[in-house]
Amino acid sequence: MKFAVLSDTHNNLANFKKAVDWIKKENIGLILHCGDTSSQEALDGMKEYFLGGEIKFVKGNADFEMDLPNFMELEINPSASSGQAKKIIFTHFPNNAKKAAKSGKYDLVFYGHTHRAWDEKVGNCHMINPGEMAGHFYKPTFAVYNTDAELLELKILEKL
C-alpha cells in the first residue's frame, strides 16, 4: 500500500491540487497532512478536491481555532500478505515527533513545521518531514511511502 504525506500547505491550494492530481494517477487513496493548512476554507477545499480518497489532518501552529488533533496514530497494513503492519504517528512539531520516535512504539513518525524535507533514523524508527507544499522557503515537496517495499520517496512538485 502507498500513502502520501504532505505538510505546510499554508492556503496554497494550487500546489495541493497539482500534488493530488499526481497522487490520484498513482491510485494512492490516503493522504496524511502534518499541519498548517492555515484555514478552514483550505482544509475544506482539500477534502473536496481529494473526494473519493481519505485525508487525515493534524493541527499546526497556523491552524488557528481549527478543531484538529495535535497528533494522530494509525496502523497501516501492507497490501502484500507477507509484510508487517506499520505503526505510524504524525504531528506538526519536530519536538513531538522526536519524543514519539524515541519512545520505540512507532515504525514511522511524520512531522512538518520546518518546511524542510528530512529523513532521520531514530533507533528503529524513521522520522520524516515531507517538506512544504506552500513553496515559501523551499521548493514544494511531499513524500510517498510504500509499505510493501518499505520505500520512502520525496516528490518535488515541479518535476511531476
C-alpha atoms as a PDB file:
ATOM      1  CA  MET A   1       0.000   0.000   0.000  1.00  0.00           C
ATOM      2  CA  LYS A   2       1.154   3.511  -0.783  1.00  0.00           C
ATOM      3  CA  PHE A   3       0.153   6.680   1.049  1.00  0.00           C
ATOM      4  CA  ALA A   4       1.187  10.318   0.666  1.00  0.00           C
ATOM      5  CA  VAL A   5       2.373  12.719   3.354  1.00  0.00           C
ATOM      6  CA  LEU A   6       2.042  16.480   2.965  1.00  0.00           C
ATOM      7  CA  SER A   7       2.625  19.420   5.262  1.00  0.00           C
ATOM      8  CA  ASP A   8       2.644  23.188   5.480  1.00  0.00           C
ATOM      9  CA  THR A   9       0.244  23.972   2.654  1.00  0.00           C
ATOM     10  CA  HIS A  10      -0.483  27.481   4.013  1.00  0.00           C
ATOM     11  CA  ASN A  11      -3.543  28.011   1.806  1.00  0.00           C
ATOM     12  CA  ASN A  12      -1.686  27.146  -1.422  1.00  0.00           C
ATOM     13  CA  LEU A  13      -4.465  25.106  -3.000  1.00  0.00           C
ATOM     14  CA  ALA A  14      -2.881  25.316  -6.470  1.00  0.00           C
ATOM     15  CA  ASN A  15       0.163  23.342  -5.275  1.00  0.00           C
ATOM     16  CA  PHE A  16      -2.038  20.979  -3.295  1.00  0.00           C
ATOM     17  CA  LYS A  17      -4.175  20.265  -6.365  1.00  0.00           C
ATOM     18  CA  LYS A  18      -1.119  19.582  -8.519  1.00  0.00           C
ATOM     19  CA  ALA A  19       0.158  17.094  -5.932  1.00  0.00           C
ATOM     20  CA  VAL A  20      -3.269  15.447  -5.620  1.00  0.00           C
ATOM     21  CA  ASP A  21      -3.591  15.107  -9.395  1.00  0.00           C
ATOM     22  CA  TRP A  22      -0.371  13.055  -9.344  1.00  0.00           C
ATOM     23  CA  ILE A  23      -1.463  11.153  -6.205  1.00  0.00           C
ATOM     24  CA  LYS A  24      -4.750  10.174  -7.869  1.00  0.00           C
ATOM     25  CA  LYS A  25      -2.948   8.969 -11.020  1.00  0.00           C
ATOM     26  CA  GLU A  26      -0.838   6.724  -8.808  1.00  0.00           C
ATOM     27  CA  ASN A  27      -4.010   5.270  -7.218  1.00  0.00           C
ATOM     28  CA  ILE A  28      -2.976   6.464  -3.765  1.00  0.00           C
ATOM     29  CA  GLY A  29      -6.073   6.659  -1.584  1.00  0.00           C
ATOM     30  CA  LEU A  30      -4.673   8.070   1.672  1.00  0.00           C
ATOM     31  CA  ILE A  31      -3.030  11.400   2.494  1.00  0.00           C
ATOM     32  CA  LEU A  32      -1.645  12.333   5.896  1.00  0.00           C
ATOM     33  CA  HIS A  33      -1.362  16.118   6.333  1.00  0.00           C
ATOM     34  CA  CYS A  34       1.087  17.214   9.032  1.00  0.00           C
ATOM     35  CA  GLY A  35      -0.483  20.583   9.777  1.00  0.00           C
ATOM     36  CA  ASP A  36      -0.575  24.206   8.690  1.00  0.00           C
ATOM     37  CA  THR A  37      -3.380  24.138   6.172  1.00  0.00           C
ATOM     38  CA  SER A  38      -3.861  27.662   7.620  1.00  0.00           C
ATOM     39  CA  SER A  39      -7.628  27.998   7.216  1.00  0.00           C
ATOM     40  CA  GLN A  40     -10.842  26.033   7.461  1.00  0.00           C
ATOM     41  CA  GLU A  41     -11.580  27.041   3.858  1.00  0.00           C
ATOM     42  CA  ALA A  42      -8.306  25.491   2.662  1.00  0.00           C
ATOM     43  CA  LEU A  43      -8.936  22.328   4.678  1.00  0.00           C
ATOM     44  CA  ASP A  44     -12.457  22.022   3.253  1.00  0.00           C
ATOM     45  CA  GLY A  45     -11.108  22.643  -0.252  1.00  0.00           C
ATOM     46  CA  MET A  46      -8.519  19.905   0.209  1.00  0.00           C
ATOM     47  CA  LYS A  47     -11.139  17.404   1.357  1.00  0.00           C
ATOM     48  CA  GLU A  48     -13.371  18.301  -1.576  1.00  0.00           C
ATOM     49  CA  TYR A  49     -10.565  18.017  -4.137  1.00  0.00           C
ATOM     50  CA  PHE A  50      -9.493  14.605  -2.811  1.00  0.00           C
ATOM     51  CA  LEU A  51     -13.046  13.287  -2.948  1.00  0.00           C
ATOM     52  CA  GLY A  52     -13.011   9.505  -3.106  1.00  0.00           C
ATOM     53  CA  GLY A  53      -9.782   9.369  -1.105  1.00  0.00           C
ATOM     54  CA  GLU A  54      -9.141   9.726   2.600  1.00  0.00           C
ATOM     55  CA  ILE A  55      -7.222  12.659   4.025  1.00  0.00           C
ATOM     56  CA  LYS A  56      -6.294  12.957   7.701  1.00  0.00           C
ATOM     57  CA  PHE A  57      -5.211  16.237   9.293  1.00  0.00           C
ATOM     58  CA  VAL A  58      -3.399  17.297  12.445  1.00  0.00           C
ATOM     59  CA  LYS A  59      -3.158  20.813  13.820  1.00  0.00           C
ATOM     60  CA  GLY A  60      -0.223  23.085  13.080  1.00  0.00           C
ATOM     61  CA  ASN A  61       0.675  26.429  14.595  1.00  0.00           C
ATOM     62  CA  ALA A  62      -1.015  28.288  11.705  1.00  0.00           C
ATOM     63  CA  ASP A  63      -4.285  26.376  12.113  1.00  0.00           C
ATOM     64  CA  PHE A  64      -5.870  28.900  14.475  1.00  0.00           C
ATOM     65  CA  GLU A  65      -9.113  27.893  16.124  1.00  0.00           C
ATOM     66  CA  MET A  66      -9.418  24.783  13.989  1.00  0.00           C
ATOM     67  CA  ASP A  67     -10.740  21.689  15.714  1.00  0.00           C
ATOM     68  CA  LEU A  68      -7.960  19.242  14.799  1.00  0.00           C
ATOM     69  CA  PRO A  69      -5.956  16.796  16.915  1.00  0.00           C
ATOM     70  CA  ASN A  70      -2.336  17.601  17.769  1.00  0.00           C
ATOM     71  CA  PHE A  71      -1.273  14.154  16.606  1.00  0.00           C
ATOM     72  CA  MET A  72      -2.808  11.039  15.117  1.00  0.00           C
ATOM     73  CA  GLU A  73      -1.773   7.410  15.459  1.00  0.00           C
ATOM     74  CA  LEU A  74      -2.620   4.698  12.965  1.00  0.00           C
ATOM     75  CA  GLU A  75      -1.572   1.279  11.832  1.00  0.00           C
ATOM     76  CA  ILE A  76      -1.269   0.617   8.131  1.00  0.00           C
ATOM     77  CA  ASN A  77      -1.217  -2.887   6.775  1.00  0.00           C
ATOM     78  CA  PRO A  78       0.758  -3.600   3.617  1.00  0.00           C
ATOM     79  CA  SER A  79      -1.146  -4.978   0.653  1.00  0.00           C
ATOM     80  CA  ALA A  80       1.310  -7.879   0.409  1.00  0.00           C
ATOM     81  CA  SER A  81       0.376 -10.672   2.787  1.00  0.00           C
ATOM     82  CA  SER A  82       3.972 -11.188   3.929  1.00  0.00           C
ATOM     83  CA  GLY A  83       4.597  -7.643   5.203  1.00  0.00           C
ATOM     84  CA  GLN A  84       4.051  -6.402   8.729  1.00  0.00           C
ATOM     85  CA  ALA A  85       1.745  -3.553   9.701  1.00  0.00           C
ATOM     86  CA  LYS A  86       3.426  -0.185  10.211  1.00  0.00           C
ATOM     87  CA  LYS A  87       2.746   1.739  13.401  1.00  0.00           C
ATOM     88  CA  ILE A  88       2.600   5.403  12.487  1.00  0.00           C
ATOM     89  CA  ILE A  89       2.135   8.701  14.255  1.00  0.00           C
ATOM     90  CA  PHE A  90       2.027  12.104  12.629  1.00  0.00           C
ATOM     91  CA  THR A  91       2.140  15.546  14.172  1.00  0.00           C
ATOM     92  CA  HIS A  92       3.226  19.042  13.243  1.00  0.00           C
ATOM     93  CA  PHE A  93       6.037  19.846  15.621  1.00  0.00           C
ATOM     94  CA  PRO A  94       9.562  18.351  15.449  1.00  0.00           C
ATOM     95  CA  ASN A  95       9.907  18.111  19.255  1.00  0.00           C
ATOM     96  CA  ASN A  96       6.743  15.996  19.495  1.00  0.00           C
ATOM     97  CA  ALA A  97       7.952  13.860  16.583  1.00  0.00           C
ATOM     98  CA  LYS A  98      11.322  13.283  18.243  1.00  0.00           C
ATOM     99  CA  LYS A  99       9.655  12.195  21.519  1.00  0.00           C
ATOM    100  CA  ALA A 100       7.418   9.772  19.615  1.00  0.00           C
ATOM    101  CA  ALA A 101      10.354   8.365  17.646  1.00  0.00           C
ATOM    102  CA  LYS A 102      12.410   7.873  20.815  1.00  0.00           C
ATOM    103  CA  SER A 103       9.510   6.053  22.505  1.00  0.00           C
ATOM    104  CA  GLY A 104      10.154   2.953  20.396  1.00  0.00           C
ATOM    105  CA  LYS A 105       6.411   2.480  19.788  1.00  0.00           C
ATOM    106  CA  TYR A 106       6.385   3.539  16.121  1.00  0.00           C
ATOM    107  CA  ASP A 107       7.915   2.472  12.833  1.00  0.00           C
ATOM    108  CA  LEU A 108       7.296   5.818  11.146  1.00  0.00           C
ATOM    109  CA  VAL A 109       6.890   9.316  12.544  1.00  0.00           C
ATOM    110  CA  PHE A 110       5.909  12.165  10.234  1.00  0.00           C
ATOM    111  CA  TYR A 111       6.028  15.862  11.076  1.00  0.00           C
ATOM    112  CA  GLY A 112       6.138  19.310   9.499  1.00  0.00           C
ATOM    113  CA  HIS A 113       6.741  22.872  10.748  1.00  0.00           C
ATOM    114  CA  THR A 114      10.324  23.371   9.497  1.00  0.00           C
ATOM    115  CA  HIS A 115       9.280  23.321   5.812  1.00  0.00           C
ATOM    116  CA  ARG A 116      12.450  21.306   5.149  1.00  0.00           C
ATOM    117  CA  ALA A 117      12.277  17.751   3.815  1.00  0.00           C
ATOM    118  CA  TRP A 118      14.148  15.408   6.127  1.00  0.00           C
ATOM    119  CA  ASP A 119      14.531  11.684   6.880  1.00  0.00           C
ATOM    120  CA  GLU A 120      16.266  10.674  10.081  1.00  0.00           C
ATOM    121  CA  LYS A 121      16.638   7.302  11.754  1.00  0.00           C
ATOM    122  CA  VAL A 122      15.945   7.354  15.499  1.00  0.00           C
ATOM    123  CA  GLY A 123      16.546   3.863  16.853  1.00  0.00           C
ATOM    124  CA  ASN A 124      14.413   1.597  14.638  1.00  0.00           C
ATOM    125  CA  CYS A 125      12.069   4.440  13.687  1.00  0.00           C
ATOM    126  CA  HIS A 126      12.147   6.688  10.626  1.00  0.00           C
ATOM    127  CA  MET A 127      11.339  10.300  11.500  1.00  0.00           C
ATOM    128  CA  ILE A 128      10.300  12.041   8.294  1.00  0.00           C
ATOM    129  CA  ASN A 129       9.411  15.577   7.280  1.00  0.00           C
ATOM    130  CA  PRO A 130       7.857  15.707   3.772  1.00  0.00           C
ATOM    131  CA  GLY A 131       8.819  19.361   3.285  1.00  0.00           C
ATOM    132  CA  GLU A 132       6.354  22.064   2.405  1.00  0.00           C
ATOM    133  CA  MET A 133       3.540  22.387  -0.116  1.00  0.00           C
ATOM    134  CA  ALA A 134       3.435  26.191   0.119  1.00  0.00           C
ATOM    135  CA  GLY A 135       6.780  26.915  -1.538  1.00  0.00           C
ATOM    136  CA  HIS A 136       7.590  29.664   0.969  1.00  0.00           C
ATOM    137  CA  PHE A 137      11.171  28.684   1.822  1.00  0.00           C
ATOM    138  CA  TYR A 138      11.941  25.644  -0.314  1.00  0.00           C
ATOM    139  CA  LYS A 139      10.600  24.019  -3.448  1.00  0.00           C
ATOM    140  CA  PRO A 140       7.218  22.384  -2.797  1.00  0.00           C
ATOM    141  CA  THR A 141       7.619  18.705  -1.934  1.00  0.00           C
ATOM    142  CA  PHE A 142       5.709  15.812  -0.448  1.00  0.00           C
ATOM    143  CA  ALA A 143       6.504  12.222   0.477  1.00  0.00           C
ATOM    144  CA  VAL A 144       5.125   8.884  -0.661  1.00  0.00           C
ATOM    145  CA  TYR A 145       5.620   5.787   1.452  1.00  0.00           C
ATOM    146  CA  ASN A 146       5.184   2.269   0.069  1.00  0.00           C
ATOM    147  CA  THR A 147       4.527  -0.196   2.902  1.00  0.00           C
ATOM    148  CA  ASP A 148       5.084  -3.244   0.670  1.00  0.00           C
ATOM    149  CA  ALA A 149       8.565  -2.186  -0.474  1.00  0.00           C
ATOM    150  CA  GLU A 150       9.291  -0.197   2.710  1.00  0.00           C
ATOM    151  CA  LEU A 151      10.309   2.622   0.403  1.00  0.00           C
ATOM    152  CA  LEU A 152      10.134   6.360   1.022  1.00  0.00           C
ATOM    153  CA  GLU A 153      10.177   8.725  -1.945  1.00  0.00           C
ATOM    154  CA  LEU A 154      10.369  12.510  -1.930  1.00  0.00           C
ATOM    155  CA  LYS A 155       8.390  14.103  -4.739  1.00  0.00           C
ATOM    156  CA  ILE A 156       9.372  17.557  -5.992  1.00  0.00           C
ATOM    157  CA  LEU A 157       6.248  19.233  -7.297  1.00  0.00           C
ATOM    158  CA  GLU A 158       7.852  20.962 -10.287  1.00  0.00           C
ATOM    159  CA  LYS A 159       9.184  17.620 -11.556  1.00  0.00           C
ATOM    160  CA  LEU A 160       5.798  15.865 -11.643  1.00  0.00           C
END
